[in-house]
Every structure is written in C-alpha cells, then in structure tokens.
PDB file of N, CA and C in Angstrom:
ATOM      1  N   UNK A   1      -7.298 -34.990 -25.680  1.00  0.00           N
ATOM      2  CA  UNK A   1      -6.466 -34.505 -26.759  1.00  0.00           C
ATOM      3  C   UNK A   1      -6.807 -33.049 -27.095  1.00  0.00           C
ATOM      4  N   UNK A   2      -8.116 -32.736 -27.092  1.00  0.00           N
ATOM      5  CA  UNK A   2      -8.562 -31.391 -27.405  1.00  0.00           C
ATOM      6  C   UNK A   2      -8.011 -30.385 -26.386  1.00  0.00           C
ATOM      7  N   UNK A   3      -8.000 -30.775 -25.107  1.00  0.00           N
ATOM      8  CA  UNK A   3      -7.491 -29.895 -24.052  1.00  0.00           C
ATOM      9  C   UNK A   3      -5.989 -29.673 -24.203  1.00  0.00           C
ATOM     10  N   UNK A   4      -5.262 -30.708 -24.613  1.00  0.00           N
ATOM     11  CA  UNK A   4      -3.815 -30.577 -24.811  1.00  0.00           C
ATOM     12  C   UNK A   4      -3.543 -29.614 -25.960  1.00  0.00           C
ATOM     13  N   UNK A   5      -4.287 -29.743 -27.029  1.00  0.00           N
ATOM     14  CA  UNK A   5      -4.131 -28.850 -28.171  1.00  0.00           C
ATOM     15  C   UNK A   5      -4.461 -27.413 -27.777  1.00  0.00           C
ATOM     16  N   UNK A   6      -5.514 -27.237 -27.027  1.00  0.00           N
ATOM     17  CA  UNK A   6      -5.915 -25.913 -26.569  1.00  0.00           C
ATOM     18  C   UNK A   6      -4.851 -25.301 -25.671  1.00  0.00           C
ATOM     19  N   UNK A   7      -4.319 -26.076 -24.740  1.00  0.00           N
ATOM     20  CA  UNK A   7      -3.269 -25.585 -23.845  1.00  0.00           C
ATOM     21  C   UNK A   7      -2.013 -25.219 -24.627  1.00  0.00           C
ATOM     22  N   UNK A   8      -1.680 -26.019 -25.612  1.00  0.00           N
ATOM     23  CA  UNK A   8      -0.514 -25.731 -26.446  1.00  0.00           C
ATOM     24  C   UNK A   8      -0.699 -24.423 -27.203  1.00  0.00           C
ATOM     25  N   UNK A   9      -1.891 -24.209 -27.726  1.00  0.00           N
ATOM     26  CA  UNK A   9      -2.177 -22.969 -28.438  1.00  0.00           C
ATOM     27  C   UNK A   9      -2.031 -21.767 -27.509  1.00  0.00           C
ATOM     28  N   UNK A  10      -2.533 -21.884 -26.294  1.00  0.00           N
ATOM     29  CA  UNK A  10      -2.446 -20.774 -25.344  1.00  0.00           C
ATOM     30  C   UNK A  10      -1.005 -20.450 -24.991  1.00  0.00           C
ATOM     31  N   UNK A  11      -0.188 -21.466 -24.796  1.00  0.00           N
ATOM     32  CA  UNK A  11       1.224 -21.236 -24.492  1.00  0.00           C
ATOM     33  C   UNK A  11       1.907 -20.552 -25.663  1.00  0.00           C
ATOM     34  N   UNK A  12       1.577 -20.985 -26.871  1.00  0.00           N
ATOM     35  CA  UNK A  12       2.183 -20.417 -28.072  1.00  0.00           C
ATOM     36  C   UNK A  12       1.870 -18.934 -28.225  1.00  0.00           C
ATOM     37  N   UNK A  13       0.623 -18.550 -27.989  1.00  0.00           N
ATOM     38  CA  UNK A  13       0.245 -17.150 -28.175  1.00  0.00           C
ATOM     39  C   UNK A  13       0.514 -16.287 -26.953  1.00  0.00           C
ATOM     40  N   UNK A  14       0.776 -16.884 -25.826  1.00  0.00           N
ATOM     41  CA  UNK A  14       0.949 -16.124 -24.583  1.00  0.00           C
ATOM     42  C   UNK A  14       2.045 -15.077 -24.689  1.00  0.00           C
ATOM     43  N   UNK A  15       3.164 -15.431 -25.232  1.00  0.00           N
ATOM     44  CA  UNK A  15       4.274 -14.484 -25.333  1.00  0.00           C
ATOM     45  C   UNK A  15       3.896 -13.312 -26.222  1.00  0.00           C
ATOM     46  N   UNK A  16       3.208 -13.585 -27.307  1.00  0.00           N
ATOM     47  CA  UNK A  16       2.799 -12.518 -28.219  1.00  0.00           C
ATOM     48  C   UNK A  16       1.769 -11.604 -27.569  1.00  0.00           C
ATOM     49  N   UNK A  17       0.752 -12.171 -26.944  1.00  0.00           N
ATOM     50  CA  UNK A  17      -0.336 -11.386 -26.390  1.00  0.00           C
ATOM     51  C   UNK A  17       0.099 -10.630 -25.150  1.00  0.00           C
ATOM     52  N   UNK A  18       0.766 -11.309 -24.214  1.00  0.00           N
ATOM     53  CA  UNK A  18       1.116 -10.639 -22.971  1.00  0.00           C
ATOM     54  C   UNK A  18       2.189  -9.580 -23.182  1.00  0.00           C
ATOM     55  N   UNK A  19       2.935  -9.666 -24.268  1.00  0.00           N
ATOM     56  CA  UNK A  19       3.963  -8.677 -24.545  1.00  0.00           C
ATOM     57  C   UNK A  19       3.363  -7.418 -25.164  1.00  0.00           C
ATOM     58  N   UNK A  20       2.119  -7.451 -25.556  1.00  0.00           N
ATOM     59  CA  UNK A  20       1.479  -6.319 -26.209  1.00  0.00           C
ATOM     60  C   UNK A  20       0.916  -5.364 -25.159  1.00  0.00           C
ATOM     61  N   UNK A  21       1.537  -4.202 -24.994  1.00  0.00           N
ATOM     62  CA  UNK A  21       1.072  -3.259 -23.979  1.00  0.00           C
ATOM     63  C   UNK A  21      -0.356  -2.771 -24.226  1.00  0.00           C
ATOM     64  N   UNK A  22      -0.805  -2.741 -25.472  1.00  0.00           N
ATOM     65  CA  UNK A  22      -2.169  -2.307 -25.763  1.00  0.00           C
ATOM     66  C   UNK A  22      -3.190  -3.288 -25.175  1.00  0.00           C
ATOM     67  N   UNK A  23      -2.889  -4.587 -25.257  1.00  0.00           N
ATOM     68  CA  UNK A  23      -3.782  -5.593 -24.694  1.00  0.00           C
ATOM     69  C   UNK A  23      -3.795  -5.467 -23.174  1.00  0.00           C
ATOM     70  N   UNK A  24      -2.634  -5.325 -22.574  1.00  0.00           N
ATOM     71  CA  UNK A  24      -2.558  -5.188 -21.124  1.00  0.00           C
ATOM     72  C   UNK A  24      -3.298  -3.937 -20.642  1.00  0.00           C
ATOM     73  N   UNK A  25      -3.163  -2.848 -21.374  1.00  0.00           N
ATOM     74  CA  UNK A  25      -3.840  -1.598 -20.994  1.00  0.00           C
ATOM     75  C   UNK A  25      -5.355  -1.747 -21.103  1.00  0.00           C
ATOM     76  N   UNK A  26      -5.816  -2.334 -22.212  1.00  0.00           N
ATOM     77  CA  UNK A  26      -7.256  -2.527 -22.396  1.00  0.00           C
ATOM     78  C   UNK A  26      -7.798  -3.471 -21.326  1.00  0.00           C
ATOM     79  N   UNK A  27      -7.052  -4.525 -21.006  1.00  0.00           N
ATOM     80  CA  UNK A  27      -7.455  -5.445 -19.944  1.00  0.00           C
ATOM     81  C   UNK A  27      -7.597  -4.695 -18.621  1.00  0.00           C
ATOM     82  N   UNK A  28      -6.626  -3.879 -18.283  1.00  0.00           N
ATOM     83  CA  UNK A  28      -6.637  -3.148 -17.013  1.00  0.00           C
ATOM     84  C   UNK A  28      -7.823  -2.199 -16.905  1.00  0.00           C
ATOM     85  N   UNK A  29      -8.223  -1.618 -18.033  1.00  0.00           N
ATOM     86  CA  UNK A  29      -9.314  -0.644 -18.025  1.00  0.00           C
ATOM     87  C   UNK A  29     -10.698  -1.286 -18.100  1.00  0.00           C
ATOM     88  N   UNK A  30     -10.767  -2.533 -18.536  1.00  0.00           N
ATOM     89  CA  UNK A  30     -12.083  -3.141 -18.757  1.00  0.00           C
ATOM     90  C   UNK A  30     -12.233  -4.490 -18.060  1.00  0.00           C
ATOM     91  N   UNK A  31     -11.581  -5.486 -18.535  1.00  0.00           N
ATOM     92  CA  UNK A  31     -11.764  -6.871 -18.088  1.00  0.00           C
ATOM     93  C   UNK A  31     -11.362  -7.110 -16.635  1.00  0.00           C
ATOM     94  N   UNK A  32     -10.307  -6.428 -16.193  1.00  0.00           N
ATOM     95  CA  UNK A  32      -9.777  -6.664 -14.848  1.00  0.00           C
ATOM     96  C   UNK A  32     -10.808  -6.383 -13.768  1.00  0.00           C
ATOM     97  N   UNK A  33     -11.784  -5.527 -14.065  1.00  0.00           N
ATOM     98  CA  UNK A  33     -12.812  -5.176 -13.092  1.00  0.00           C
ATOM     99  C   UNK A  33     -13.434  -6.439 -12.494  1.00  0.00           C
ATOM    100  N   UNK A  34     -13.677  -7.426 -13.320  1.00  0.00           N
ATOM    101  CA  UNK A  34     -14.287  -8.676 -12.848  1.00  0.00           C
ATOM    102  C   UNK A  34     -13.343  -9.871 -12.889  1.00  0.00           C
ATOM    103  N   UNK A  35     -12.528  -9.959 -13.942  1.00  0.00           N
ATOM    104  CA  UNK A  35     -11.733 -11.163 -14.152  1.00  0.00           C
ATOM    105  C   UNK A  35     -10.497 -11.266 -13.256  1.00  0.00           C
ATOM    106  N   UNK A  36     -10.030 -10.182 -12.694  1.00  0.00           N
ATOM    107  CA  UNK A  36      -8.866 -10.261 -11.795  1.00  0.00           C
ATOM    108  C   UNK A  36      -9.199 -11.050 -10.536  1.00  0.00           C
ATOM    109  N   UNK A  37     -10.428 -10.890 -10.036  1.00  0.00           N
ATOM    110  CA  UNK A  37     -10.813 -11.551  -8.788  1.00  0.00           C
ATOM    111  C   UNK A  37     -11.895 -12.611  -8.974  1.00  0.00           C
ATOM    112  N   UNK A  38     -12.404 -12.761 -10.196  1.00  0.00           N
ATOM    113  CA  UNK A  38     -13.453 -13.752 -10.425  1.00  0.00           C
ATOM    114  C   UNK A  38     -14.815 -13.303  -9.924  1.00  0.00           C
ATOM    115  N   UNK A  39     -15.100 -12.013 -10.033  1.00  0.00           N
ATOM    116  CA  UNK A  39     -16.364 -11.449  -9.569  1.00  0.00           C
ATOM    117  C   UNK A  39     -17.543 -12.116 -10.278  1.00  0.00           C
ATOM    118  N   UNK A  40     -18.555 -12.472  -9.513  1.00  0.00           N
ATOM    119  CA  UNK A  40     -19.807 -13.052 -10.033  1.00  0.00           C
ATOM    120  C   UNK A  40     -19.577 -14.274 -10.918  1.00  0.00           C
ATOM    121  N   UNK A  41     -18.549 -15.053 -10.607  1.00  0.00           N
ATOM    122  CA  UNK A  41     -18.283 -16.277 -11.351  1.00  0.00           C
ATOM    123  C   UNK A  41     -17.460 -16.105 -12.613  1.00  0.00           C
ATOM    124  N   UNK A  42     -16.930 -14.906 -12.846  1.00  0.00           N
ATOM    125  CA  UNK A  42     -16.088 -14.684 -14.023  1.00  0.00           C
ATOM    126  C   UNK A  42     -14.829 -15.537 -13.912  1.00  0.00           C
ATOM    127  N   UNK A  43     -14.400 -16.171 -15.005  1.00  0.00           N
ATOM    128  CA  UNK A  43     -13.152 -16.941 -14.939  1.00  0.00           C
ATOM    129  C   UNK A  43     -11.984 -15.993 -14.659  1.00  0.00           C
ATOM    130  N   UNK A  44     -11.122 -16.392 -13.745  1.00  0.00           N
ATOM    131  CA  UNK A  44     -10.029 -15.520 -13.319  1.00  0.00           C
ATOM    132  C   UNK A  44      -8.892 -15.480 -14.338  1.00  0.00           C
ATOM    133  N   UNK A  45      -8.324 -14.307 -14.434  1.00  0.00           N
ATOM    134  CA  UNK A  45      -7.162 -14.104 -15.287  1.00  0.00           C
ATOM    135  C   UNK A  45      -5.992 -14.918 -14.744  1.00  0.00           C
ATOM    136  N   UNK A  46      -5.288 -15.583 -15.656  1.00  0.00           N
ATOM    137  CA  UNK A  46      -4.124 -16.362 -15.270  1.00  0.00           C
ATOM    138  C   UNK A  46      -4.447 -17.738 -14.720  1.00  0.00           C
ATOM    139  N   UNK A  47      -5.705 -18.159 -14.845  1.00  0.00           N
ATOM    140  CA  UNK A  47      -6.134 -19.472 -14.372  1.00  0.00           C
ATOM    141  C   UNK A  47      -6.675 -20.269 -15.559  1.00  0.00           C
ATOM    142  N   UNK A  48      -5.769 -20.851 -16.350  1.00  0.00           N
ATOM    143  CA  UNK A  48      -6.191 -21.539 -17.584  1.00  0.00           C
ATOM    144  C   UNK A  48      -7.290 -22.576 -17.389  1.00  0.00           C
ATOM    145  N   UNK A  49      -7.290 -23.271 -16.270  1.00  0.00           N
ATOM    146  CA  UNK A  49      -8.306 -24.302 -16.037  1.00  0.00           C
ATOM    147  C   UNK A  49      -9.713 -23.705 -16.005  1.00  0.00           C
ATOM    148  N   UNK A  50      -9.833 -22.467 -15.541  1.00  0.00           N
ATOM    149  CA  UNK A  50     -11.142 -21.827 -15.478  1.00  0.00           C
ATOM    150  C   UNK A  50     -11.639 -21.402 -16.862  1.00  0.00           C
ATOM    151  N   UNK A  51     -10.760 -21.382 -17.831  1.00  0.00           N
ATOM    152  CA  UNK A  51     -11.101 -20.966 -19.191  1.00  0.00           C
ATOM    153  C   UNK A  51     -11.310 -22.149 -20.138  1.00  0.00           C
ATOM    154  N   UNK A  52     -10.879 -23.343 -19.761  1.00  0.00           N
ATOM    155  CA  UNK A  52     -10.903 -24.501 -20.671  1.00  0.00           C
ATOM    156  C   UNK A  52     -12.273 -24.750 -21.298  1.00  0.00           C
ATOM    157  N   UNK A  53     -13.308 -24.825 -20.463  1.00  0.00           N
ATOM    158  CA  UNK A  53     -14.644 -25.130 -20.995  1.00  0.00           C
ATOM    159  C   UNK A  53     -15.133 -24.040 -21.935  1.00  0.00           C
ATOM    160  N   UNK A  54     -14.830 -22.805 -21.602  1.00  0.00           N
ATOM    161  CA  UNK A  54     -15.259 -21.692 -22.451  1.00  0.00           C
ATOM    162  C   UNK A  54     -14.526 -21.717 -23.790  1.00  0.00           C
ATOM    163  N   UNK A  55     -13.230 -21.937 -23.750  1.00  0.00           N
ATOM    164  CA  UNK A  55     -12.434 -21.982 -24.973  1.00  0.00           C
ATOM    165  C   UNK A  55     -12.832 -23.156 -25.855  1.00  0.00           C
ATOM    166  N   UNK A  56     -13.211 -24.243 -25.233  1.00  0.00           N
ATOM    167  CA  UNK A  56     -13.599 -25.439 -25.986  1.00  0.00           C
ATOM    168  C   UNK A  56     -14.864 -25.200 -26.815  1.00  0.00           C
ATOM    169  N   UNK A  57     -15.664 -24.201 -26.454  1.00  0.00           N
ATOM    170  CA  UNK A  57     -16.884 -23.892 -27.204  1.00  0.00           C
ATOM    171  C   UNK A  57     -16.584 -23.222 -28.539  1.00  0.00           C
ATOM    172  N   UNK A  58     -15.390 -22.665 -28.681  1.00  0.00           N
ATOM    173  CA  UNK A  58     -14.982 -22.056 -29.939  1.00  0.00           C
ATOM    174  C   UNK A  58     -15.118 -20.545 -29.960  1.00  0.00           C
ATOM    175  N   UNK A  59     -14.421 -19.960 -30.909  1.00  0.00           N
ATOM    176  CA  UNK A  59     -14.340 -18.505 -31.027  1.00  0.00           C
ATOM    177  C   UNK A  59     -15.703 -17.870 -31.280  1.00  0.00           C
ATOM    178  N   UNK A  60     -16.509 -18.477 -32.123  1.00  0.00           N
ATOM    179  CA  UNK A  60     -17.818 -17.895 -32.455  1.00  0.00           C
ATOM    180  C   UNK A  60     -18.693 -17.755 -31.212  1.00  0.00           C
ATOM    181  N   UNK A  61     -18.712 -18.781 -30.371  1.00  0.00           N
ATOM    182  CA  UNK A  61     -19.516 -18.742 -29.149  1.00  0.00           C
ATOM    183  C   UNK A  61     -18.948 -17.714 -28.171  1.00  0.00           C
ATOM    184  N   UNK A  62     -17.616 -17.682 -28.045  1.00  0.00           N
ATOM    185  CA  UNK A  62     -16.990 -16.692 -27.162  1.00  0.00           C
ATOM    186  C   UNK A  62     -17.331 -15.267 -27.598  1.00  0.00           C
ATOM    187  N   UNK A  63     -17.215 -14.994 -28.875  1.00  0.00           N
ATOM    188  CA  UNK A  63     -17.507 -13.654 -29.381  1.00  0.00           C
ATOM    189  C   UNK A  63     -18.973 -13.284 -29.175  1.00  0.00           C
ATOM    190  N   UNK A  64     -19.857 -14.236 -29.365  1.00  0.00           N
ATOM    191  CA  UNK A  64     -21.282 -13.976 -29.136  1.00  0.00           C
ATOM    192  C   UNK A  64     -21.508 -13.609 -27.670  1.00  0.00           C
ATOM    193  N   UNK A  65     -20.902 -14.356 -26.759  1.00  0.00           N
ATOM    194  CA  UNK A  65     -21.050 -14.072 -25.334  1.00  0.00           C
ATOM    195  C   UNK A  65     -20.492 -12.700 -24.980  1.00  0.00           C
ATOM    196  N   UNK A  66     -19.348 -12.350 -25.548  1.00  0.00           N
ATOM    197  CA  UNK A  66     -18.740 -11.061 -25.241  1.00  0.00           C
ATOM    198  C   UNK A  66     -19.554  -9.908 -25.812  1.00  0.00           C
ATOM    199  N   UNK A  67     -20.027 -10.058 -27.026  1.00  0.00           N
ATOM    200  CA  UNK A  67     -20.777  -8.977 -27.662  1.00  0.00           C
ATOM    201  C   UNK A  67     -22.184  -8.801 -27.087  1.00  0.00           C
ATOM    202  N   UNK A  68     -22.822  -9.908 -26.714  1.00  0.00           N
ATOM    203  CA  UNK A  68     -24.197  -9.840 -26.218  1.00  0.00           C
ATOM    204  C   UNK A  68     -24.289  -9.859 -24.697  1.00  0.00           C
ATOM    205  N   UNK A  69     -23.205 -10.273 -24.032  1.00  0.00           N
ATOM    206  CA  UNK A  69     -23.227 -10.421 -22.581  1.00  0.00           C
ATOM    207  C   UNK A  69     -23.613 -11.840 -22.197  1.00  0.00           C
ATOM    208  N   UNK A  70     -23.270 -12.221 -20.988  1.00  0.00           N
ATOM    209  CA  UNK A  70     -23.585 -13.566 -20.504  1.00  0.00           C
ATOM    210  C   UNK A  70     -23.606 -13.548 -18.986  1.00  0.00           C
ATOM    211  N   UNK A  71     -24.675 -14.054 -18.422  1.00  0.00           N
ATOM    212  CA  UNK A  71     -24.843 -14.057 -16.964  1.00  0.00           C
ATOM    213  C   UNK A  71     -24.640 -12.633 -16.436  1.00  0.00           C
ATOM    214  N   UNK A  72     -23.697 -12.420 -15.529  1.00  0.00           N
ATOM    215  CA  UNK A  72     -23.490 -11.089 -14.948  1.00  0.00           C
ATOM    216  C   UNK A  72     -22.675 -10.164 -15.854  1.00  0.00           C
ATOM    217  N   UNK A  73     -22.052 -10.703 -16.910  1.00  0.00           N
ATOM    218  CA  UNK A  73     -21.243  -9.863 -17.792  1.00  0.00           C
ATOM    219  C   UNK A  73     -22.153  -9.093 -18.748  1.00  0.00           C
ATOM    220  N   UNK A  74     -22.025  -7.764 -18.749  1.00  0.00           N
ATOM    221  CA  UNK A  74     -22.862  -6.973 -19.658  1.00  0.00           C
ATOM    222  C   UNK A  74     -22.383  -7.098 -21.100  1.00  0.00           C
ATOM    223  N   UNK A  75     -23.234  -6.712 -22.052  1.00  0.00           N
ATOM    224  CA  UNK A  75     -22.778  -6.703 -23.442  1.00  0.00           C
ATOM    225  C   UNK A  75     -21.489  -5.903 -23.576  1.00  0.00           C
ATOM    226  N   UNK A  76     -20.600  -6.438 -24.348  1.00  0.00           N
ATOM    227  CA  UNK A  76     -19.278  -5.850 -24.599  1.00  0.00           C
ATOM    228  C   UNK A  76     -18.379  -5.912 -23.358  1.00  0.00           C
ATOM    229  N   UNK A  77     -18.853  -6.463 -22.269  1.00  0.00           N
ATOM    230  CA  UNK A  77     -18.022  -6.674 -21.081  1.00  0.00           C
ATOM    231  C   UNK A  77     -17.217  -5.463 -20.650  1.00  0.00           C
ATOM    232  N   UNK A  78     -17.783  -4.286 -20.705  1.00  0.00           N
ATOM    233  CA  UNK A  78     -17.132  -3.029 -20.304  1.00  0.00           C
ATOM    234  C   UNK A  78     -16.166  -2.480 -21.359  1.00  0.00           C
ATOM    235  N   UNK A  79     -16.062  -3.132 -22.505  1.00  0.00           N
ATOM    236  CA  UNK A  79     -15.159  -2.651 -23.563  1.00  0.00           C
ATOM    237  C   UNK A  79     -15.990  -2.308 -24.794  1.00  0.00           C
ATOM    238  N   UNK A  80     -16.630  -1.170 -24.741  1.00  0.00           N
ATOM    239  CA  UNK A  80     -17.566  -0.774 -25.799  1.00  0.00           C
ATOM    240  C   UNK A  80     -16.906  -0.555 -27.156  1.00  0.00           C
ATOM    241  N   UNK A  81     -15.604  -0.280 -27.164  1.00  0.00           N
ATOM    242  CA  UNK A  81     -14.932  -0.020 -28.440  1.00  0.00           C
ATOM    243  C   UNK A  81     -14.072  -1.195 -28.913  1.00  0.00           C
ATOM    244  N   UNK A  82     -14.173  -2.345 -28.266  1.00  0.00           N
ATOM    245  CA  UNK A  82     -13.373  -3.507 -28.654  1.00  0.00           C
ATOM    246  C   UNK A  82     -13.897  -4.139 -29.950  1.00  0.00           C
ATOM    247  N   UNK A  83     -12.971  -4.469 -30.816  1.00  0.00           N
ATOM    248  CA  UNK A  83     -13.309  -5.243 -32.014  1.00  0.00           C
ATOM    249  C   UNK A  83     -13.299  -6.722 -31.635  1.00  0.00           C
ATOM    250  N   UNK A  84     -13.800  -7.562 -32.516  1.00  0.00           N
ATOM    251  CA  UNK A  84     -13.763  -9.005 -32.260  1.00  0.00           C
ATOM    252  C   UNK A  84     -12.322  -9.481 -32.084  1.00  0.00           C
ATOM    253  N   UNK A  85     -11.420  -8.951 -32.875  1.00  0.00           N
ATOM    254  CA  UNK A  85     -10.004  -9.337 -32.753  1.00  0.00           C
ATOM    255  C   UNK A  85      -9.448  -8.938 -31.379  1.00  0.00           C
ATOM    256  N   UNK A  86      -9.790  -7.755 -30.929  1.00  0.00           N
ATOM    257  CA  UNK A  86      -9.329  -7.326 -29.598  1.00  0.00           C
ATOM    258  C   UNK A  86      -9.930  -8.187 -28.501  1.00  0.00           C
ATOM    259  N   UNK A  87     -11.205  -8.566 -28.649  1.00  0.00           N
ATOM    260  CA  UNK A  87     -11.821  -9.457 -27.666  1.00  0.00           C
ATOM    261  C   UNK A  87     -11.057 -10.775 -27.590  1.00  0.00           C
ATOM    262  N   UNK A  88     -10.699 -11.334 -28.739  1.00  0.00           N
ATOM    263  CA  UNK A  88      -9.983 -12.612 -28.727  1.00  0.00           C
ATOM    264  C   UNK A  88      -8.579 -12.443 -28.135  1.00  0.00           C
ATOM    265  N   UNK A  89      -7.924 -11.326 -28.398  1.00  0.00           N
ATOM    266  CA  UNK A  89      -6.622 -11.064 -27.773  1.00  0.00           C
ATOM    267  C   UNK A  89      -6.767 -10.976 -26.258  1.00  0.00           C
ATOM    268  N   UNK A  90      -7.835 -10.352 -25.801  1.00  0.00           N
ATOM    269  CA  UNK A  90      -8.072 -10.233 -24.357  1.00  0.00           C
ATOM    270  C   UNK A  90      -8.344 -11.602 -23.734  1.00  0.00           C
ATOM    271  N   UNK A  91      -9.114 -12.434 -24.420  1.00  0.00           N
ATOM    272  CA  UNK A  91      -9.383 -13.781 -23.909  1.00  0.00           C
ATOM    273  C   UNK A  91      -8.080 -14.570 -23.813  1.00  0.00           C
ATOM    274  N   UNK A  92      -7.264 -14.510 -24.851  1.00  0.00           N
ATOM    275  CA  UNK A  92      -5.980 -15.224 -24.824  1.00  0.00           C
ATOM    276  C   UNK A  92      -5.109 -14.718 -23.664  1.00  0.00           C
ATOM    277  N   UNK A  93      -5.113 -13.431 -23.464  1.00  0.00           N
ATOM    278  CA  UNK A  93      -4.345 -12.836 -22.369  1.00  0.00           C
ATOM    279  C   UNK A  93      -4.850 -13.360 -21.017  1.00  0.00           C
ATOM    280  N   UNK A  94      -6.170 -13.335 -20.825  1.00  0.00           N
ATOM    281  CA  UNK A  94      -6.733 -13.759 -19.546  1.00  0.00           C
ATOM    282  C   UNK A  94      -6.620 -15.258 -19.309  1.00  0.00           C
ATOM    283  N   UNK A  95      -6.699 -16.038 -20.382  1.00  0.00           N
ATOM    284  CA  UNK A  95      -6.713 -17.497 -20.241  1.00  0.00           C
ATOM    285  C   UNK A  95      -5.322 -18.106 -20.114  1.00  0.00           C
ATOM    286  N   UNK A  96      -4.299 -17.264 -20.146  1.00  0.00           N
ATOM    287  CA  UNK A  96      -2.927 -17.749 -20.085  1.00  0.00           C
ATOM    288  C   UNK A  96      -2.368 -17.550 -18.686  1.00  0.00           C
ATOM    289  N   UNK A  97      -1.722 -18.564 -18.177  1.00  0.00           N
ATOM    290  CA  UNK A  97      -1.117 -18.459 -16.850  1.00  0.00           C
ATOM    291  C   UNK A  97      -0.087 -17.343 -16.847  1.00  0.00           C
ATOM    292  N   UNK A  98      -0.124 -16.544 -15.827  1.00  0.00           N
ATOM    293  CA  UNK A  98       0.817 -15.420 -15.702  1.00  0.00           C
ATOM    294  C   UNK A  98       1.997 -15.809 -14.841  1.00  0.00           C
TER     295      UNK A  98
END
C-alpha cells in the first residue's frame, strides 16, 4: 500500500516538476553527472523502481543523505547552492519515469 501511495504521489508531481525548466537545468548541471547512467550505484533518472526504497525512508533521511553525502555521492551531490526544497524537486524529477 505504501508503494502504491508513493507511486501515486510521484505521478501527481511529475507534471509540475518536469515542466519546470529550472529543475531540468539544475539536474543537467549537477545530478545528471551520476544519475543519468547510474554511476557508482546511483539510482537512475526515470527509473522509479530504483528510487522506491530511498523514497520510502522519508524526506528527512533523503535530505540528510543529500546534504552530507552518501556512499560515492559527495556532500550536496555537486549542487552546492541547492536548497532543501530544490533537492526534493530534483529527487521528484529523477524518481519519475520519463
């Protein structure tokens, strides 16, 4: 049930997030370096199944990982000027099927 709710949320926000050129531009300059191809185990952009477990941990855990780094991802994940809100927009963008 939790996965269905999560998938529904991603579909709902996908149109809003992917339509935002600022999110797409920031993704291209930062996140795409690793997430486009899944470098070093990074969940791939547009592959919702690869994001399910991470999203299930909740926003607080995701933000902590992004701000402090996790495994091969450096702190701030190449986006030194991203706010927490921008990080969550980027996650929604990447976790949504394209």
